Protein backbone atom coordinates (compact mmCIF):
# COMPACT_ATOMS: atom_id res chain seq x y z
CA UNK A 1 3.97 6.41 -39.02
CA UNK A 2 2.01 9.60 -38.38
CA UNK A 3 2.30 9.11 -34.60
CA UNK A 4 6.06 8.66 -34.79
CA UNK A 5 6.40 11.77 -36.96
CA UNK A 6 4.33 13.83 -34.50
CA UNK A 7 6.48 12.53 -31.68
CA UNK A 8 9.59 13.95 -33.33
CA UNK A 9 8.38 17.56 -33.57
CA UNK A 10 7.33 20.21 -31.08
CA UNK A 11 3.55 19.98 -30.60
CA UNK A 12 3.28 23.77 -30.58
CA UNK A 13 5.63 25.25 -33.19
CA UNK A 14 6.34 22.10 -35.23
CA UNK A 15 10.14 22.35 -35.08
CA UNK A 16 11.84 19.00 -35.52
CA UNK A 17 13.98 17.53 -32.77
CA UNK A 18 17.24 15.62 -33.07
CA UNK A 19 20.04 13.89 -31.19
CA UNK A 20 22.97 15.95 -32.46
CA UNK A 21 24.74 18.67 -30.47
CA UNK A 22 23.26 21.40 -32.63
CA UNK A 23 19.78 19.88 -32.86
CA UNK A 24 16.76 21.01 -30.86
CA UNK A 25 16.14 18.80 -27.84
CA UNK A 26 12.47 18.04 -27.32
CA UNK A 27 11.06 17.20 -23.92
CA UNK A 28 7.90 15.20 -23.29
CA UNK A 29 4.93 16.56 -21.37
CA UNK A 30 5.76 15.63 -17.79
CA UNK A 31 2.17 14.69 -16.96
CA UNK A 32 1.01 12.49 -19.85
CA UNK A 33 4.06 11.89 -22.03
CA UNK A 34 1.92 12.11 -25.17
CA UNK A 35 3.59 15.12 -26.83
CA UNK A 36 6.96 16.89 -26.92
CA UNK A 37 7.97 20.53 -26.72
CA UNK A 38 11.06 22.50 -27.67
CA UNK A 39 10.71 24.80 -24.70
CA UNK A 40 8.58 26.07 -21.84
CA UNK A 41 7.02 28.87 -23.88
CA UNK A 42 5.71 26.44 -26.50
CA UNK A 43 4.36 24.20 -23.76
CA UNK A 44 2.46 27.14 -22.19
CA UNK A 45 1.04 28.24 -25.55
CA UNK A 46 -0.10 24.72 -26.41
CA UNK A 47 -1.65 24.07 -22.99
CA UNK A 48 -5.26 25.11 -23.85
CA UNK A 49 -5.29 22.75 -26.85
CA UNK A 50 -3.55 19.89 -25.03
CA UNK A 51 -5.27 20.14 -21.64
CA UNK A 52 -8.20 17.79 -22.34
CA UNK A 53 -6.11 15.00 -23.87
CA UNK A 54 -3.52 15.41 -21.14
CA UNK A 55 -6.05 15.02 -18.32
CA UNK A 56 -7.60 11.98 -20.00
CA UNK A 57 -4.21 10.26 -20.35
CA UNK A 58 -3.20 11.11 -16.78
CA UNK A 59 -6.43 9.49 -15.55
CA UNK A 60 -5.73 6.41 -17.69
CA UNK A 61 -2.20 6.11 -16.30
CA UNK A 62 -3.51 6.48 -12.75
CA UNK A 63 -6.05 3.72 -13.36
CA UNK A 64 -3.33 1.44 -14.73
CA UNK A 65 -1.53 1.82 -11.40
CA UNK A 66 -4.70 1.52 -9.32
CA UNK A 67 -5.96 -1.67 -10.95
CA UNK A 68 -2.66 -3.50 -11.23
CA UNK A 69 -2.72 -6.70 -9.16
CA UNK A 70 -0.01 -6.36 -6.46
CA UNK A 71 2.26 -9.34 -5.86
CA UNK A 72 1.52 -9.22 -2.12
CA UNK A 73 -0.33 -7.23 0.52
CA UNK A 74 1.24 -4.22 2.22
CA UNK A 75 2.36 -6.55 5.03
CA UNK A 76 4.67 -8.50 2.74
CA UNK A 77 6.40 -11.70 3.91
CA UNK A 78 7.79 -12.71 7.28
CA UNK A 79 11.57 -12.09 7.07
CA UNK A 80 12.30 -15.45 8.73
CA UNK A 81 9.99 -18.09 7.19
CA UNK A 82 9.39 -15.99 4.05
CA UNK A 83 5.67 -16.82 4.04
CA UNK A 84 3.07 -14.07 3.54
CA UNK A 85 2.06 -12.29 6.75
CA UNK A 86 -1.60 -13.20 7.45
CA UNK A 87 -4.18 -10.42 7.31
CA UNK A 88 -5.84 -9.25 10.51
CA UNK A 89 -9.46 -8.11 10.58
CA UNK A 90 -9.30 -6.79 14.15
CA UNK A 91 -6.92 -6.20 17.04
CA UNK A 92 -7.74 -9.72 18.26
CA UNK A 93 -6.76 -11.44 15.01
CA UNK A 94 -3.28 -9.93 14.57
CA UNK A 95 -0.85 -12.79 13.98
CA UNK A 96 2.41 -10.88 13.79
CA UNK A 97 4.60 -8.55 15.86
CA UNK A 98 6.71 -5.54 14.90
CA UNK A 99 10.05 -5.85 16.68
CA UNK A 100 11.05 -2.53 18.26
CA UNK A 101 14.78 -3.32 17.98
CA UNK A 102 14.95 -3.88 14.19
CA UNK A 103 11.46 -2.89 12.93
CA UNK A 104 10.98 -6.31 11.35
CA UNK A 105 7.43 -7.65 11.22
CA UNK A 106 7.70 -11.29 12.33
CA UNK A 107 4.83 -13.80 12.15
CA UNK A 108 3.56 -15.52 15.31
CA UNK A 109 4.80 -18.87 14.01
CA UNK A 110 8.42 -17.75 13.97
CA UNK A 111 8.06 -15.92 17.27
CA UNK A 112 6.62 -19.07 18.85
CA UNK A 113 9.36 -21.28 17.37
CA UNK A 114 11.99 -18.90 18.75
CA UNK A 115 10.38 -19.00 22.20
CA UNK A 116 10.45 -22.82 22.17
CA UNK A 117 14.14 -22.75 21.19
CA UNK A 118 14.93 -20.40 24.04
CA UNK A 119 12.89 -22.43 26.52
CA UNK A 120 14.54 -25.71 25.58
CA UNK A 121 18.01 -24.19 25.69
CA UNK A 122 17.27 -22.12 28.79
CA UNK A 123 18.27 -19.02 26.87
CA UNK A 124 17.28 -15.42 27.61
CA UNK A 125 14.45 -14.05 25.40
CA UNK A 126 15.65 -12.30 22.26
CA UNK A 127 14.25 -10.88 19.04
CA UNK A 128 13.56 -13.80 16.69
CA UNK A 129 15.17 -11.89 13.82
CA UNK A 130 18.19 -9.94 15.08
CA UNK A 131 18.66 -11.67 18.48
CA UNK A 132 18.64 -8.39 20.40
CA UNK A 133 17.48 -8.94 24.01
CA UNK A 134 13.73 -8.42 24.38
CA UNK A 135 12.91 -5.05 26.07
CA UNK A 136 11.87 -5.35 29.72
CA UNK A 137 9.22 -2.63 29.55
CA UNK A 138 7.04 -0.61 27.19
CA UNK A 139 9.26 2.39 27.87
CA UNK A 140 12.34 0.48 26.71
CA UNK A 141 10.48 -0.74 23.62
CA UNK A 142 9.51 2.85 22.78
CA UNK A 143 13.12 3.99 23.21
CA UNK A 144 14.18 1.28 20.75
CA UNK A 145 11.48 2.41 18.36
CA UNK A 146 12.53 6.05 18.55
CA UNK A 147 16.16 5.14 17.86
CA UNK A 148 14.98 3.52 14.64
CA UNK A 149 12.73 6.49 13.83
CA UNK A 150 15.67 8.86 14.35
CA UNK A 151 17.49 7.20 11.43
CA UNK A 152 14.36 7.45 9.23
CA UNK A 153 13.24 3.84 9.44
CA UNK A 154 9.76 4.10 7.79
CA UNK A 155 8.25 1.25 9.84
CA UNK A 156 9.47 2.82 13.09
CA UNK A 157 8.20 6.23 12.00
CA UNK A 158 4.81 4.76 11.25
CA UNK A 159 4.71 3.05 14.64
CA UNK A 160 5.79 6.26 16.37
CA UNK A 161 2.91 8.03 14.62
CA UNK A 162 0.42 5.46 15.91
CA UNK A 163 1.76 5.80 19.45
CA UNK A 164 1.08 9.54 19.27
CA UNK A 165 -2.31 9.07 17.65
CA UNK A 166 -3.72 6.77 20.35
CA UNK A 167 -2.98 9.38 23.04
CA UNK A 168 -4.62 12.14 21.02
CA UNK A 169 -1.46 13.89 19.84
CA UNK A 170 -2.73 14.09 16.25
CA UNK A 171 -0.33 16.80 15.08
CA UNK A 172 2.74 14.71 15.97
CA UNK A 173 1.13 11.57 14.61
CA UNK A 174 0.56 13.24 11.25
CA UNK A 175 4.12 14.55 11.26
CA UNK A 176 5.50 11.03 11.69
CA UNK A 177 3.10 9.52 9.17
CA UNK A 178 3.83 12.15 6.54
CA UNK A 179 7.54 11.40 6.87
CA UNK A 180 7.00 7.63 6.80
CA UNK A 181 4.67 7.89 3.79
CA UNK A 182 7.30 9.92 1.96
CA UNK A 183 9.67 6.99 2.52
CA UNK A 184 7.16 4.54 1.06
CA UNK A 185 5.40 3.26 4.19
CA UNK A 186 2.02 2.07 2.91
CA UNK A 187 0.31 1.82 6.30
CA UNK A 188 1.08 5.49 6.97
CA UNK A 189 -0.65 6.47 3.72
CA UNK A 190 -3.69 4.55 4.96
CA UNK A 191 -3.66 6.31 8.34
CA UNK A 192 -3.25 9.71 6.68
CA UNK A 193 -6.25 9.05 4.46
CA UNK A 194 -8.30 8.57 7.63
CA UNK A 195 -7.19 11.74 9.41
CA UNK A 196 -7.75 13.88 6.31
CA UNK A 197 -11.21 12.40 5.82
CA UNK A 198 -12.25 12.79 9.47
CA UNK A 199 -10.38 16.02 10.13
CA UNK A 200 -8.41 14.78 13.13
CA UNK A 201 -5.59 17.22 13.85
CA UNK A 202 -6.07 18.82 10.42
CA UNK A 203 -8.86 20.36 8.40
CA UNK A 204 -10.89 17.89 6.38
CA UNK A 205 -9.25 17.58 2.97
CA UNK A 206 -10.89 15.14 0.54
CA UNK A 207 -8.23 15.72 -2.10
CA UNK A 208 -5.52 14.55 0.32
CA UNK A 209 -7.80 11.75 1.53
CA UNK A 210 -8.11 10.45 -2.04
CA UNK A 211 -4.39 10.79 -2.70
CA UNK A 212 -3.32 8.85 0.40
CA UNK A 213 -6.09 6.28 -0.05
CA UNK A 214 -4.97 5.58 -3.60
CA UNK A 215 -1.29 5.47 -2.64
CA UNK A 216 -2.17 2.87 0.00
CA UNK A 217 -4.13 0.91 -2.61
CA UNK A 218 -1.25 0.98 -5.09
CA UNK A 219 1.05 -0.23 -2.30
CA UNK A 220 -1.07 -3.33 -1.71
CA UNK A 221 -3.16 -2.21 1.29
CA UNK A 222 -6.17 -4.51 0.93
CA UNK A 223 -8.36 -2.69 3.46
CA UNK A 224 -7.79 0.60 1.65
CA UNK A 225 -8.68 -1.15 -1.61
CA UNK A 226 -11.87 -2.63 -0.18
CA UNK A 227 -12.86 0.81 1.13
CA UNK A 228 -12.20 2.32 -2.29
CA UNK A 229 -14.41 -0.37 -3.79
CA UNK A 230 -17.21 0.62 -1.42
CA UNK A 231 -16.79 4.27 -2.38
CA UNK A 232 -17.03 3.38 -6.10
CA UNK A 233 -20.09 1.23 -5.36
CA UNK A 234 -21.85 4.13 -3.62
CA UNK A 235 -21.07 6.31 -6.62
CA UNK A 236 -22.69 3.74 -8.90
CA UNK A 237 -19.39 2.75 -10.52
CA UNK A 238 -20.06 -0.97 -10.17
CA UNK A 239 -17.44 -2.13 -12.68
CA UNK A 240 -14.69 -0.22 -10.89
CA UNK A 241 -15.95 -1.40 -7.49
CA UNK A 242 -15.90 -5.06 -8.56
CA UNK A 243 -12.35 -4.67 -9.88
CA UNK A 244 -11.21 -3.46 -6.46
CA UNK A 245 -13.05 -6.28 -4.65
CA UNK A 246 -11.51 -8.89 -6.97
CA UNK A 247 -7.96 -7.62 -6.42
CA UNK A 248 -8.44 -7.52 -2.64
CA UNK A 249 -10.00 -11.00 -2.60
CA UNK A 250 -7.14 -12.32 -4.72
CA UNK A 251 -4.82 -11.19 -1.90
CA UNK A 252 -6.87 -13.09 0.68
CA UNK A 253 -9.26 -10.48 2.09
CA UNK A 254 -12.36 -12.32 3.32
CA UNK A 255 -14.70 -9.32 3.42
CA UNK A 256 -14.04 -8.61 -0.27
CA UNK A 257 -14.71 -12.27 -1.08
CA UNK A 258 -18.05 -12.04 0.75
CA UNK A 259 -18.87 -8.91 -1.24
CA UNK A 260 -18.15 -10.75 -4.49
CA UNK A 261 -20.42 -13.63 -3.47
CA UNK A 262 -23.28 -11.13 -3.31
CA UNK A 263 -22.18 -9.63 -6.63
CA UNK A 264 -22.26 -13.09 -8.21
CA UNK A 265 -25.70 -13.83 -6.73
CA UNK A 266 -26.89 -10.56 -8.24
CA UNK A 267 -25.49 -11.40 -11.66
CA UNK A 268 -22.86 -8.66 -11.57
CA UNK A 269 -19.93 -10.99 -12.33
CA UNK A 270 -19.77 -14.14 -14.45
CA UNK A 271 -19.52 -17.71 -13.16
CA UNK A 272 -16.03 -18.04 -14.67
CA UNK A 273 -14.76 -14.82 -13.04
CA UNK A 274 -16.25 -15.80 -9.68
CA UNK A 275 -14.70 -19.27 -9.83
CA UNK A 276 -11.29 -17.77 -10.67
CA UNK A 277 -11.36 -15.34 -7.74
CA UNK A 278 -12.55 -18.10 -5.39
CA UNK A 279 -9.50 -20.17 -6.30
CA UNK A 280 -7.13 -17.20 -6.00
CA UNK A 281 -8.57 -16.21 -2.62
CA UNK A 282 -8.19 -19.72 -1.20
CA UNK A 283 -4.65 -19.95 -2.55
CA UNK A 284 -3.75 -16.64 -0.87
CA UNK A 285 -5.19 -17.80 2.46
CA UNK A 286 -3.45 -21.20 2.23
CA UNK A 287 -0.13 -19.50 1.46
CA UNK A 288 -0.16 -17.91 4.94
CA UNK A 289 -0.43 -21.26 6.76
CA UNK A 290 2.40 -23.31 8.27
CA UNK A 291 2.81 -25.89 11.06
CA UNK A 292 4.64 -23.28 13.15
CA UNK A 293 1.76 -20.83 12.83
CA UNK A 294 -0.78 -23.52 13.73
CA UNK A 295 1.29 -24.39 16.81
CA UNK A 296 1.48 -20.71 17.76
CA UNK A 297 -2.30 -20.40 17.50
CA UNK A 298 -2.88 -23.48 19.64
CA UNK A 299 -0.43 -22.26 22.29
CA UNK A 300 -2.67 -19.25 22.97
CA UNK A 301 -5.42 -21.50 24.31
CA UNK A 302 -3.39 -23.89 26.47
C-alpha cells in the first residue's frame, strides 16, 4: 500500500531503508511514530513540514491514554483479601491503613479480622500483612516509614512527603513526591498537581499541574479524573467532561455518578449510556464490600 511504501523510506530525502548490514536503518519519529528518518539532519529539515501532523498525532495518543478505562482505582486491591480498596471522600471515611513497616495498604476488614485473631489468642498486636510488631508511637512509625523511603519504596516516599507537607515543609514534601512520582506513585502525581497549581513551595506552573494531573488520571486516580472533568466542563468541552465522569463513576466514585445524573436530566447523555454507567458504578461499589469490612465498620460504633 501507499502507507507501507512511505513507511519504508526517509520522509525527508526519500532514501529506502532495509534490514541488511549495508542497508540504511530508518528510525521513527520519537513523538508520533508516523514517519521514519535516515538521520538527525533529515529529521531537522523535515520538521517544519511534519510539525502539524506530529502534534495532532501526539494529542491523539495522549487522549487514548487519558480516556482508557483503568482496571482499578489508584488504591488497587487489599493485599490480604484481594478486594478493591474502598474510596474515601474525606478523612472520616477512610477505610484502610498504610502499614509503616511494609508500606502495604490494608483494608479495615482485614485489620479488624487480625485484631480479633490476636485478641482471641492473646497475641501481641502485629501488622496484618507482614506480622511485624505494631509501633508503640508515632515516632517509631515514622522511623519505620523512613527506612522504607531510604530504599526508594514509592508508597513510603509519598507518605514521607505528606508528613512534611502537613507541617508546612513544602520544599521537602515536593522532593519526596517528585521521587515517588518518578517511581510510579500515582497519589504523589496528584499531590504535585495541587502544589504546582496553588504555588505552595514552588512557583505556580500550570504546565506541570496539567502533566501531573493527567499522570494521576492515567494511573487510575478517580478524584484527579473528576477534577479534570470539571475543568473540561468549565472550558465548554462537555463531551470530554462526560467521558471523564463516566470513567470515574465506573470505578465507584459517587460524586461523578451524581454529576452524570444531572447530565442525564439535561439530555447530555442517552438513557442507554446512563443505565450502563449506573450498573457499572453499583458493581464497583459492591465489589468493595465483605462481611469482614461490615464487621469492622460496626465495631467503630460499639
